[in-house]
Amino acid sequence: MLYEAPRAILRLARGPSQGAKTKALVVFDSVYGNTRLAAEEIARGLSQSGSVEVTIASVGKFDVRKTRDYPIVVLGAPNHLGNASKAMREFLPQLGAGTLLRKRVALFDTCYADQTGVAVRKMEALLREREPNLHFALSGLSVVVESSKGPVRQGDLLKCRQFGVRLATPA
């Protein structure tokens, strides 16, 4: 079962343009809701142009085989003890060989200020073990939280939306 995106995202995903839309997937793991908030803002940014149709899915409720259907893939997880969450670490190796090649791939994490980039780098390493030639469309994004239960640091949700906009814009 897919995570239900807020209506605003669904409305934006339909957008004003009538042409074929690029499909984007945002898969996340979230315990306290901070990573979910970041994923939703990234999705808003992706769909802002009206030319990208976004699916948001919780890592535990998404069929990894369907990843092949999306030219844009964003993966995000909270930092748990200096690594990506267990659910995301278990999800990443399930991606089949070649699944992410020739796609616009980006990663994000949520973390404390002194842990920025740690989980992103661990996810990158896990993915590159399987796909040494994998190219990331953007450098990973770290979203800082004040405590495990939040809130997200002021301004970081805007960074998430901007991240999505940049990812939706072809290079």
N, C-alpha and C. Protein backbone atom coordinates (compact mmCIF):
# COMPACT_ATOMS: atom_id res chain seq x y z
N MET A 1 0.84 -1.18 0.00
CA MET A 1 0.00 0.00 0.00
C MET A 1 0.89 1.24 0.00
N LEU A 2 0.62 2.16 -0.88
CA LEU A 2 1.42 3.37 -0.98
C LEU A 2 1.02 4.36 0.10
N TYR A 3 2.00 5.12 0.52
CA TYR A 3 1.76 6.21 1.44
C TYR A 3 0.86 7.21 0.73
N GLU A 4 -0.18 7.68 1.39
CA GLU A 4 -1.06 8.65 0.76
C GLU A 4 -0.47 10.03 0.86
N ALA A 5 -0.18 10.61 -0.28
CA ALA A 5 0.36 11.97 -0.31
C ALA A 5 -0.73 12.94 0.06
N PRO A 6 -0.36 14.04 0.71
CA PRO A 6 -1.35 15.08 1.00
C PRO A 6 -2.01 15.55 -0.29
N ARG A 7 -3.25 16.03 -0.19
CA ARG A 7 -3.99 16.47 -1.38
C ARG A 7 -3.24 17.53 -2.17
N ALA A 8 -2.53 18.41 -1.47
CA ALA A 8 -1.79 19.45 -2.18
C ALA A 8 -0.78 18.83 -3.14
N ILE A 9 -0.15 17.76 -2.73
CA ILE A 9 0.82 17.11 -3.61
C ILE A 9 0.09 16.46 -4.77
N LEU A 10 -1.00 15.80 -4.50
CA LEU A 10 -1.75 15.16 -5.58
C LEU A 10 -2.23 16.21 -6.59
N ARG A 11 -2.70 17.34 -6.10
CA ARG A 11 -3.16 18.42 -6.98
C ARG A 11 -2.00 18.95 -7.81
N LEU A 12 -0.86 19.18 -7.16
CA LEU A 12 0.31 19.68 -7.88
C LEU A 12 0.80 18.65 -8.88
N ALA A 13 0.70 17.39 -8.54
CA ALA A 13 1.17 16.34 -9.44
C ALA A 13 0.35 16.34 -10.73
N ARG A 14 -0.92 16.70 -10.65
CA ARG A 14 -1.74 16.76 -11.86
C ARG A 14 -1.32 17.93 -12.72
N GLY A 15 -0.95 19.03 -12.06
CA GLY A 15 -0.36 20.19 -12.71
C GLY A 15 -1.12 20.74 -13.90
N PRO A 16 -0.65 21.86 -14.42
CA PRO A 16 -1.32 22.52 -15.52
C PRO A 16 -1.00 21.93 -16.89
N SER A 17 0.15 21.29 -17.05
CA SER A 17 0.53 20.82 -18.38
C SER A 17 -0.24 19.55 -18.73
N GLN A 18 -0.54 19.40 -20.01
CA GLN A 18 -1.31 18.25 -20.45
C GLN A 18 -0.44 17.17 -21.09
N GLY A 19 0.86 17.43 -21.27
CA GLY A 19 1.76 16.46 -21.90
C GLY A 19 2.07 15.31 -20.98
N ALA A 20 2.88 14.39 -21.50
CA ALA A 20 3.31 13.25 -20.71
C ALA A 20 4.13 13.72 -19.52
N LYS A 21 3.90 13.13 -18.39
CA LYS A 21 4.61 13.53 -17.18
C LYS A 21 5.71 12.53 -16.86
N THR A 22 6.80 13.05 -16.33
CA THR A 22 7.86 12.21 -15.83
C THR A 22 7.41 11.67 -14.48
N LYS A 23 7.67 10.41 -14.23
CA LYS A 23 7.28 9.81 -12.96
C LYS A 23 8.44 9.87 -11.98
N ALA A 24 8.15 10.30 -10.77
CA ALA A 24 9.16 10.36 -9.71
C ALA A 24 8.67 9.56 -8.51
N LEU A 25 9.62 8.94 -7.84
CA LEU A 25 9.33 8.14 -6.66
C LEU A 25 10.15 8.67 -5.50
N VAL A 26 9.49 8.89 -4.37
CA VAL A 26 10.17 9.26 -3.13
C VAL A 26 9.86 8.17 -2.12
N VAL A 27 10.87 7.39 -1.75
CA VAL A 27 10.72 6.32 -0.77
C VAL A 27 11.46 6.75 0.48
N PHE A 28 10.80 6.64 1.62
CA PHE A 28 11.39 7.10 2.88
C PHE A 28 11.08 6.14 4.01
N ASP A 29 11.87 6.24 5.05
CA ASP A 29 11.57 5.59 6.32
C ASP A 29 11.47 6.70 7.35
N SER A 30 10.50 6.60 8.24
CA SER A 30 10.33 7.64 9.25
C SER A 30 9.79 7.02 10.53
N VAL A 31 10.36 7.39 11.64
CA VAL A 31 9.90 6.91 12.93
C VAL A 31 9.02 7.95 13.62
N TYR A 32 9.52 9.18 13.71
CA TYR A 32 8.80 10.24 14.41
C TYR A 32 8.11 11.23 13.48
N GLY A 33 8.24 11.04 12.17
CA GLY A 33 7.55 11.91 11.22
C GLY A 33 8.43 12.96 10.57
N ASN A 34 9.65 13.15 11.06
CA ASN A 34 10.52 14.18 10.49
C ASN A 34 10.93 13.84 9.05
N THR A 35 11.29 12.59 8.81
CA THR A 35 11.71 12.19 7.46
C THR A 35 10.51 12.20 6.52
N ARG A 36 9.35 11.86 7.03
CA ARG A 36 8.12 11.95 6.22
C ARG A 36 7.87 13.39 5.79
N LEU A 37 8.03 14.34 6.71
CA LEU A 37 7.85 15.76 6.36
C LEU A 37 8.83 16.18 5.28
N ALA A 38 10.07 15.76 5.41
CA ALA A 38 11.08 16.09 4.40
C ALA A 38 10.69 15.48 3.06
N ALA A 39 10.26 14.23 3.06
CA ALA A 39 9.85 13.55 1.82
C ALA A 39 8.69 14.29 1.15
N GLU A 40 7.72 14.73 1.94
CA GLU A 40 6.57 15.46 1.39
C GLU A 40 7.01 16.78 0.75
N GLU A 41 7.94 17.47 1.38
CA GLU A 41 8.42 18.74 0.81
C GLU A 41 9.23 18.51 -0.45
N ILE A 42 10.03 17.46 -0.49
CA ILE A 42 10.77 17.12 -1.71
C ILE A 42 9.76 16.82 -2.82
N ALA A 43 8.71 16.07 -2.50
CA ALA A 43 7.67 15.76 -3.49
C ALA A 43 6.99 17.02 -3.99
N ARG A 44 6.72 17.96 -3.11
CA ARG A 44 6.12 19.23 -3.54
C ARG A 44 7.03 19.95 -4.52
N GLY A 45 8.32 19.95 -4.23
CA GLY A 45 9.28 20.57 -5.14
C GLY A 45 9.32 19.87 -6.49
N LEU A 46 9.33 18.54 -6.47
CA LEU A 46 9.35 17.78 -7.72
C LEU A 46 8.13 18.08 -8.57
N SER A 47 6.97 18.18 -7.94
CA SER A 47 5.73 18.35 -8.69
C SER A 47 5.41 19.81 -9.01
N GLN A 48 6.19 20.73 -8.50
CA GLN A 48 5.91 22.16 -8.65
C GLN A 48 5.79 22.59 -10.11
N SER A 49 6.59 22.02 -11.00
CA SER A 49 6.57 22.41 -12.41
C SER A 49 5.32 21.94 -13.13
N GLY A 50 4.65 20.95 -12.58
CA GLY A 50 3.49 20.38 -13.23
C GLY A 50 3.84 19.30 -14.24
N SER A 51 5.13 19.07 -14.46
CA SER A 51 5.53 18.07 -15.45
C SER A 51 6.01 16.76 -14.81
N VAL A 52 5.94 16.69 -13.48
CA VAL A 52 6.39 15.49 -12.78
C VAL A 52 5.23 14.96 -11.92
N GLU A 53 4.96 13.69 -12.07
CA GLU A 53 3.96 13.00 -11.26
C GLU A 53 4.70 12.24 -10.16
N VAL A 54 4.38 12.53 -8.90
CA VAL A 54 5.16 12.00 -7.78
C VAL A 54 4.38 10.95 -7.01
N THR A 55 5.06 9.87 -6.69
CA THR A 55 4.53 8.86 -5.77
C THR A 55 5.42 8.88 -4.53
N ILE A 56 4.79 8.96 -3.37
CA ILE A 56 5.51 8.92 -2.10
C ILE A 56 5.16 7.60 -1.45
N ALA A 57 6.19 6.89 -0.97
CA ALA A 57 5.94 5.58 -0.36
C ALA A 57 6.80 5.38 0.87
N SER A 58 6.21 4.80 1.88
CA SER A 58 6.97 4.37 3.05
C SER A 58 7.76 3.13 2.66
N VAL A 59 9.00 3.05 3.08
CA VAL A 59 9.89 1.96 2.68
C VAL A 59 9.29 0.58 2.97
N GLY A 60 8.59 0.44 4.06
CA GLY A 60 8.03 -0.85 4.43
C GLY A 60 6.78 -1.23 3.66
N LYS A 61 6.22 -0.29 2.90
CA LYS A 61 4.96 -0.55 2.20
C LYS A 61 5.10 -0.45 0.69
N PHE A 62 6.33 -0.42 0.20
CA PHE A 62 6.54 -0.25 -1.24
C PHE A 62 7.19 -1.50 -1.82
N ASP A 63 6.67 -1.95 -2.94
CA ASP A 63 7.23 -3.10 -3.65
C ASP A 63 8.46 -2.62 -4.41
N VAL A 64 9.63 -3.03 -3.96
CA VAL A 64 10.89 -2.56 -4.50
C VAL A 64 10.99 -2.80 -6.01
N ARG A 65 10.33 -3.81 -6.53
CA ARG A 65 10.38 -4.10 -7.97
C ARG A 65 9.79 -2.97 -8.81
N LYS A 66 8.89 -2.20 -8.24
CA LYS A 66 8.24 -1.11 -8.97
C LYS A 66 9.17 0.09 -9.16
N THR A 67 10.31 0.08 -8.50
CA THR A 67 11.28 1.17 -8.65
C THR A 67 11.69 1.33 -10.11
N ARG A 68 11.71 0.25 -10.84
CA ARG A 68 12.11 0.28 -12.26
C ARG A 68 11.22 1.21 -13.09
N ASP A 69 10.00 1.48 -12.64
CA ASP A 69 9.03 2.27 -13.40
C ASP A 69 9.25 3.78 -13.29
N TYR A 70 10.21 4.20 -12.51
CA TYR A 70 10.39 5.63 -12.23
C TYR A 70 11.75 6.14 -12.71
N PRO A 71 11.77 7.16 -13.57
CA PRO A 71 13.05 7.74 -14.00
C PRO A 71 13.71 8.63 -12.95
N ILE A 72 12.93 9.09 -11.98
CA ILE A 72 13.48 9.88 -10.86
C ILE A 72 13.21 9.10 -9.59
N VAL A 73 14.27 8.84 -8.81
CA VAL A 73 14.13 8.09 -7.56
C VAL A 73 14.85 8.84 -6.45
N VAL A 74 14.11 9.11 -5.37
CA VAL A 74 14.66 9.77 -4.19
C VAL A 74 14.47 8.83 -3.01
N LEU A 75 15.54 8.61 -2.25
CA LEU A 75 15.50 7.71 -1.11
C LEU A 75 15.93 8.48 0.14
N GLY A 76 15.17 8.32 1.22
CA GLY A 76 15.51 9.06 2.43
C GLY A 76 15.27 8.26 3.69
N ALA A 77 16.14 8.51 4.67
CA ALA A 77 16.05 7.78 5.94
C ALA A 77 16.58 8.65 7.07
N PRO A 78 16.12 8.38 8.27
CA PRO A 78 16.71 9.05 9.42
C PRO A 78 18.07 8.44 9.75
N ASN A 79 18.90 9.22 10.39
CA ASN A 79 20.18 8.73 10.89
C ASN A 79 19.90 8.00 12.20
N HIS A 80 20.24 6.73 12.23
CA HIS A 80 20.12 5.93 13.46
C HIS A 80 21.51 5.47 13.86
N LEU A 81 22.05 6.08 14.88
CA LEU A 81 23.35 5.68 15.42
C LEU A 81 24.45 5.68 14.36
N GLY A 82 24.48 6.73 13.54
CA GLY A 82 25.54 6.87 12.55
C GLY A 82 25.34 6.08 11.28
N ASN A 83 24.12 5.67 11.01
CA ASN A 83 23.82 4.92 9.80
C ASN A 83 22.40 5.24 9.38
N ALA A 84 22.03 4.84 8.17
CA ALA A 84 20.63 4.94 7.76
C ALA A 84 19.81 3.96 8.60
N SER A 85 18.53 4.21 8.69
CA SER A 85 17.67 3.33 9.47
C SER A 85 17.76 1.89 8.97
N LYS A 86 17.45 0.96 9.84
CA LYS A 86 17.52 -0.46 9.50
C LYS A 86 16.60 -0.78 8.32
N ALA A 87 15.41 -0.23 8.32
CA ALA A 87 14.47 -0.51 7.23
C ALA A 87 15.03 -0.07 5.88
N MET A 88 15.70 1.08 5.84
CA MET A 88 16.28 1.54 4.57
C MET A 88 17.50 0.69 4.20
N ARG A 89 18.30 0.34 5.20
CA ARG A 89 19.47 -0.51 4.92
C ARG A 89 19.04 -1.87 4.37
N GLU A 90 17.88 -2.35 4.77
CA GLU A 90 17.37 -3.62 4.25
C GLU A 90 16.72 -3.45 2.88
N PHE A 91 16.18 -2.28 2.62
CA PHE A 91 15.52 -2.00 1.34
C PHE A 91 16.54 -1.84 0.21
N LEU A 92 17.61 -1.11 0.45
CA LEU A 92 18.57 -0.78 -0.61
C LEU A 92 19.15 -2.00 -1.32
N PRO A 93 19.57 -3.05 -0.61
CA PRO A 93 20.13 -4.22 -1.31
C PRO A 93 19.10 -4.97 -2.16
N GLN A 94 17.82 -4.73 -1.92
CA GLN A 94 16.78 -5.39 -2.70
C GLN A 94 16.63 -4.80 -4.09
N LEU A 95 17.18 -3.61 -4.30
CA LEU A 95 17.13 -3.01 -5.63
C LEU A 95 17.94 -3.87 -6.58
N GLY A 96 17.34 -4.32 -7.62
CA GLY A 96 18.02 -5.21 -8.56
C GLY A 96 19.16 -4.54 -9.29
N ALA A 97 20.05 -5.34 -9.80
CA ALA A 97 21.20 -4.84 -10.56
C ALA A 97 20.68 -4.00 -11.73
N GLY A 98 21.24 -2.83 -11.88
CA GLY A 98 20.87 -1.94 -12.98
C GLY A 98 19.61 -1.13 -12.75
N THR A 99 18.91 -1.37 -11.64
CA THR A 99 17.65 -0.68 -11.39
C THR A 99 17.80 0.84 -11.39
N LEU A 100 18.88 1.35 -10.82
CA LEU A 100 19.03 2.80 -10.68
C LEU A 100 19.92 3.44 -11.74
N LEU A 101 20.52 2.62 -12.59
CA LEU A 101 21.35 3.18 -13.66
C LEU A 101 20.47 3.96 -14.64
N ARG A 102 21.01 5.05 -15.16
CA ARG A 102 20.31 5.92 -16.12
C ARG A 102 19.05 6.53 -15.52
N LYS A 103 19.03 6.71 -14.21
CA LYS A 103 17.94 7.41 -13.53
C LYS A 103 18.51 8.62 -12.82
N ARG A 104 17.64 9.57 -12.51
CA ARG A 104 18.03 10.71 -11.68
C ARG A 104 17.80 10.26 -10.24
N VAL A 105 18.88 9.94 -9.55
CA VAL A 105 18.81 9.39 -8.19
C VAL A 105 19.34 10.43 -7.21
N ALA A 106 18.65 10.55 -6.09
CA ALA A 106 19.10 11.46 -5.04
C ALA A 106 18.76 10.86 -3.69
N LEU A 107 19.54 11.24 -2.68
CA LEU A 107 19.37 10.72 -1.32
C LEU A 107 19.23 11.87 -0.34
N PHE A 108 18.51 11.59 0.75
CA PHE A 108 18.44 12.56 1.85
C PHE A 108 18.36 11.82 3.17
N ASP A 109 18.75 12.53 4.23
CA ASP A 109 18.61 11.98 5.57
C ASP A 109 18.10 13.06 6.50
N THR A 110 17.62 12.63 7.65
CA THR A 110 17.31 13.55 8.74
C THR A 110 18.25 13.20 9.89
N CYS A 111 18.72 14.24 10.56
CA CYS A 111 19.78 13.99 11.54
C CYS A 111 19.93 15.19 12.48
N TYR A 112 20.73 15.00 13.51
CA TYR A 112 21.15 16.11 14.36
C TYR A 112 22.22 16.90 13.61
N ALA A 113 22.43 18.14 14.01
CA ALA A 113 23.36 19.03 13.32
C ALA A 113 24.78 18.47 13.24
N ASP A 114 25.20 17.72 14.24
CA ASP A 114 26.57 17.19 14.23
C ASP A 114 26.70 15.89 13.43
N GLN A 115 25.62 15.45 12.78
CA GLN A 115 25.64 14.20 12.01
C GLN A 115 25.27 14.41 10.54
N THR A 116 25.38 15.65 10.04
CA THR A 116 24.95 15.90 8.66
C THR A 116 25.75 15.05 7.66
N GLY A 117 25.01 14.46 6.76
CA GLY A 117 25.62 13.68 5.68
C GLY A 117 26.01 12.26 6.04
N VAL A 118 25.97 11.89 7.29
CA VAL A 118 26.44 10.57 7.70
C VAL A 118 25.57 9.46 7.08
N ALA A 119 24.27 9.52 7.26
CA ALA A 119 23.40 8.47 6.72
C ALA A 119 23.38 8.51 5.20
N VAL A 120 23.45 9.70 4.61
CA VAL A 120 23.49 9.81 3.15
C VAL A 120 24.72 9.07 2.62
N ARG A 121 25.87 9.30 3.22
CA ARG A 121 27.11 8.63 2.77
C ARG A 121 27.01 7.11 2.92
N LYS A 122 26.37 6.64 3.99
CA LYS A 122 26.20 5.19 4.19
C LYS A 122 25.28 4.61 3.11
N MET A 123 24.20 5.34 2.78
CA MET A 123 23.30 4.86 1.73
C MET A 123 24.02 4.85 0.37
N GLU A 124 24.79 5.90 0.11
CA GLU A 124 25.58 5.94 -1.13
C GLU A 124 26.50 4.72 -1.23
N ALA A 125 27.18 4.42 -0.13
CA ALA A 125 28.11 3.28 -0.12
C ALA A 125 27.38 1.97 -0.37
N LEU A 126 26.22 1.79 0.25
CA LEU A 126 25.44 0.56 0.04
C LEU A 126 25.02 0.43 -1.43
N LEU A 127 24.59 1.52 -2.01
CA LEU A 127 24.16 1.48 -3.40
C LEU A 127 25.33 1.25 -4.35
N ARG A 128 26.46 1.86 -4.05
CA ARG A 128 27.63 1.73 -4.93
C ARG A 128 28.27 0.34 -4.83
N GLU A 129 28.02 -0.36 -3.72
CA GLU A 129 28.51 -1.75 -3.63
C GLU A 129 27.89 -2.57 -4.75
N ARG A 130 26.62 -2.33 -5.03
CA ARG A 130 25.90 -3.08 -6.07
C ARG A 130 26.08 -2.46 -7.45
N GLU A 131 26.20 -1.14 -7.48
CA GLU A 131 26.29 -0.41 -8.75
C GLU A 131 27.46 0.57 -8.69
N PRO A 132 28.68 0.11 -8.94
CA PRO A 132 29.85 1.00 -8.83
C PRO A 132 29.78 2.22 -9.75
N ASN A 133 29.06 2.13 -10.86
CA ASN A 133 28.97 3.24 -11.81
C ASN A 133 27.75 4.13 -11.59
N LEU A 134 27.07 3.94 -10.47
CA LEU A 134 25.89 4.74 -10.18
C LEU A 134 26.25 6.21 -10.06
N HIS A 135 25.47 7.05 -10.72
CA HIS A 135 25.66 8.50 -10.67
C HIS A 135 24.48 9.11 -9.92
N PHE A 136 24.77 10.01 -9.01
CA PHE A 136 23.72 10.71 -8.28
C PHE A 136 23.47 12.06 -8.94
N ALA A 137 22.21 12.38 -9.16
CA ALA A 137 21.84 13.62 -9.84
C ALA A 137 22.20 14.85 -9.02
N LEU A 138 22.12 14.74 -7.70
CA LEU A 138 22.44 15.84 -6.78
C LEU A 138 23.23 15.27 -5.61
N SER A 139 24.00 16.12 -4.96
CA SER A 139 24.63 15.72 -3.70
C SER A 139 23.52 15.49 -2.69
N GLY A 140 23.76 14.57 -1.77
CA GLY A 140 22.76 14.24 -0.76
C GLY A 140 22.38 15.44 0.09
N LEU A 141 21.17 15.42 0.60
CA LEU A 141 20.63 16.49 1.44
C LEU A 141 20.47 15.98 2.86
N SER A 142 20.98 16.74 3.82
CA SER A 142 20.74 16.44 5.24
C SER A 142 19.77 17.46 5.80
N VAL A 143 18.73 16.96 6.41
CA VAL A 143 17.69 17.78 7.03
C VAL A 143 17.89 17.69 8.53
N VAL A 144 18.18 18.80 9.16
CA VAL A 144 18.53 18.81 10.58
C VAL A 144 17.27 18.89 11.44
N VAL A 145 17.24 18.03 12.47
CA VAL A 145 16.16 18.05 13.45
C VAL A 145 16.73 18.46 14.81
N GLU A 146 15.92 19.13 15.60
CA GLU A 146 16.36 19.60 16.91
C GLU A 146 16.43 18.48 17.94
N SER A 147 15.53 17.49 17.79
CA SER A 147 15.54 16.29 18.63
C SER A 147 14.91 15.17 17.81
N SER A 148 14.95 13.94 18.31
CA SER A 148 14.42 12.83 17.52
C SER A 148 12.95 13.03 17.17
N LYS A 149 12.21 13.69 18.03
CA LYS A 149 10.80 13.93 17.77
C LYS A 149 10.56 15.27 17.07
N GLY A 150 11.64 15.95 16.69
CA GLY A 150 11.50 17.22 15.99
C GLY A 150 11.59 18.38 16.95
N PRO A 151 11.40 19.53 16.43
CA PRO A 151 10.99 19.85 15.07
C PRO A 151 12.18 19.87 14.12
N VAL A 152 11.84 19.95 12.82
CA VAL A 152 12.86 20.14 11.80
C VAL A 152 13.37 21.57 11.95
N ARG A 153 14.68 21.75 11.79
CA ARG A 153 15.28 23.07 11.94
C ARG A 153 14.64 24.06 10.96
N GLN A 154 14.44 25.27 11.43
CA GLN A 154 13.82 26.31 10.62
C GLN A 154 14.60 26.48 9.31
N GLY A 155 13.89 26.48 8.22
CA GLY A 155 14.50 26.66 6.91
C GLY A 155 14.83 25.37 6.19
N ASP A 156 14.91 24.27 6.92
CA ASP A 156 15.30 23.01 6.28
C ASP A 156 14.20 22.41 5.40
N LEU A 157 12.94 22.65 5.73
CA LEU A 157 11.88 22.13 4.86
C LEU A 157 11.86 22.89 3.53
N LEU A 158 12.21 24.17 3.56
CA LEU A 158 12.34 24.93 2.33
C LEU A 158 13.48 24.35 1.48
N LYS A 159 14.57 23.97 2.13
CA LYS A 159 15.68 23.33 1.41
C LYS A 159 15.20 22.04 0.74
N CYS A 160 14.31 21.32 1.40
CA CYS A 160 13.76 20.08 0.82
C CYS A 160 12.99 20.39 -0.45
N ARG A 161 12.15 21.40 -0.39
CA ARG A 161 11.37 21.76 -1.58
C ARG A 161 12.30 22.18 -2.72
N GLN A 162 13.31 22.97 -2.42
CA GLN A 162 14.26 23.41 -3.44
C GLN A 162 15.04 22.22 -4.02
N PHE A 163 15.35 21.25 -3.19
CA PHE A 163 16.01 20.02 -3.61
C PHE A 163 15.14 19.32 -4.66
N GLY A 164 13.85 19.21 -4.38
CA GLY A 164 12.91 18.60 -5.32
C GLY A 164 12.83 19.36 -6.63
N VAL A 165 12.78 20.68 -6.56
CA VAL A 165 12.74 21.49 -7.78
C VAL A 165 13.98 21.25 -8.62
N ARG A 166 15.15 21.25 -8.00
CA ARG A 166 16.41 21.03 -8.74
C ARG A 166 16.42 19.63 -9.37
N LEU A 167 15.92 18.66 -8.64
CA LEU A 167 15.91 17.29 -9.16
C LEU A 167 14.95 17.15 -10.35
N ALA A 168 13.87 17.89 -10.34
CA ALA A 168 12.89 17.81 -11.43
C ALA A 168 13.39 18.50 -12.70
N THR A 169 14.37 19.37 -12.56
CA THR A 169 14.89 20.12 -13.70
C THR A 169 15.97 19.29 -14.39
N PRO A 170 15.72 18.89 -15.65
CA PRO A 170 16.74 18.09 -16.35
C PRO A 170 18.07 18.83 -16.43
N ALA A 171 19.15 18.06 -16.34
CA ALA A 171 20.48 18.65 -16.36
C ALA A 171 20.82 19.22 -17.72
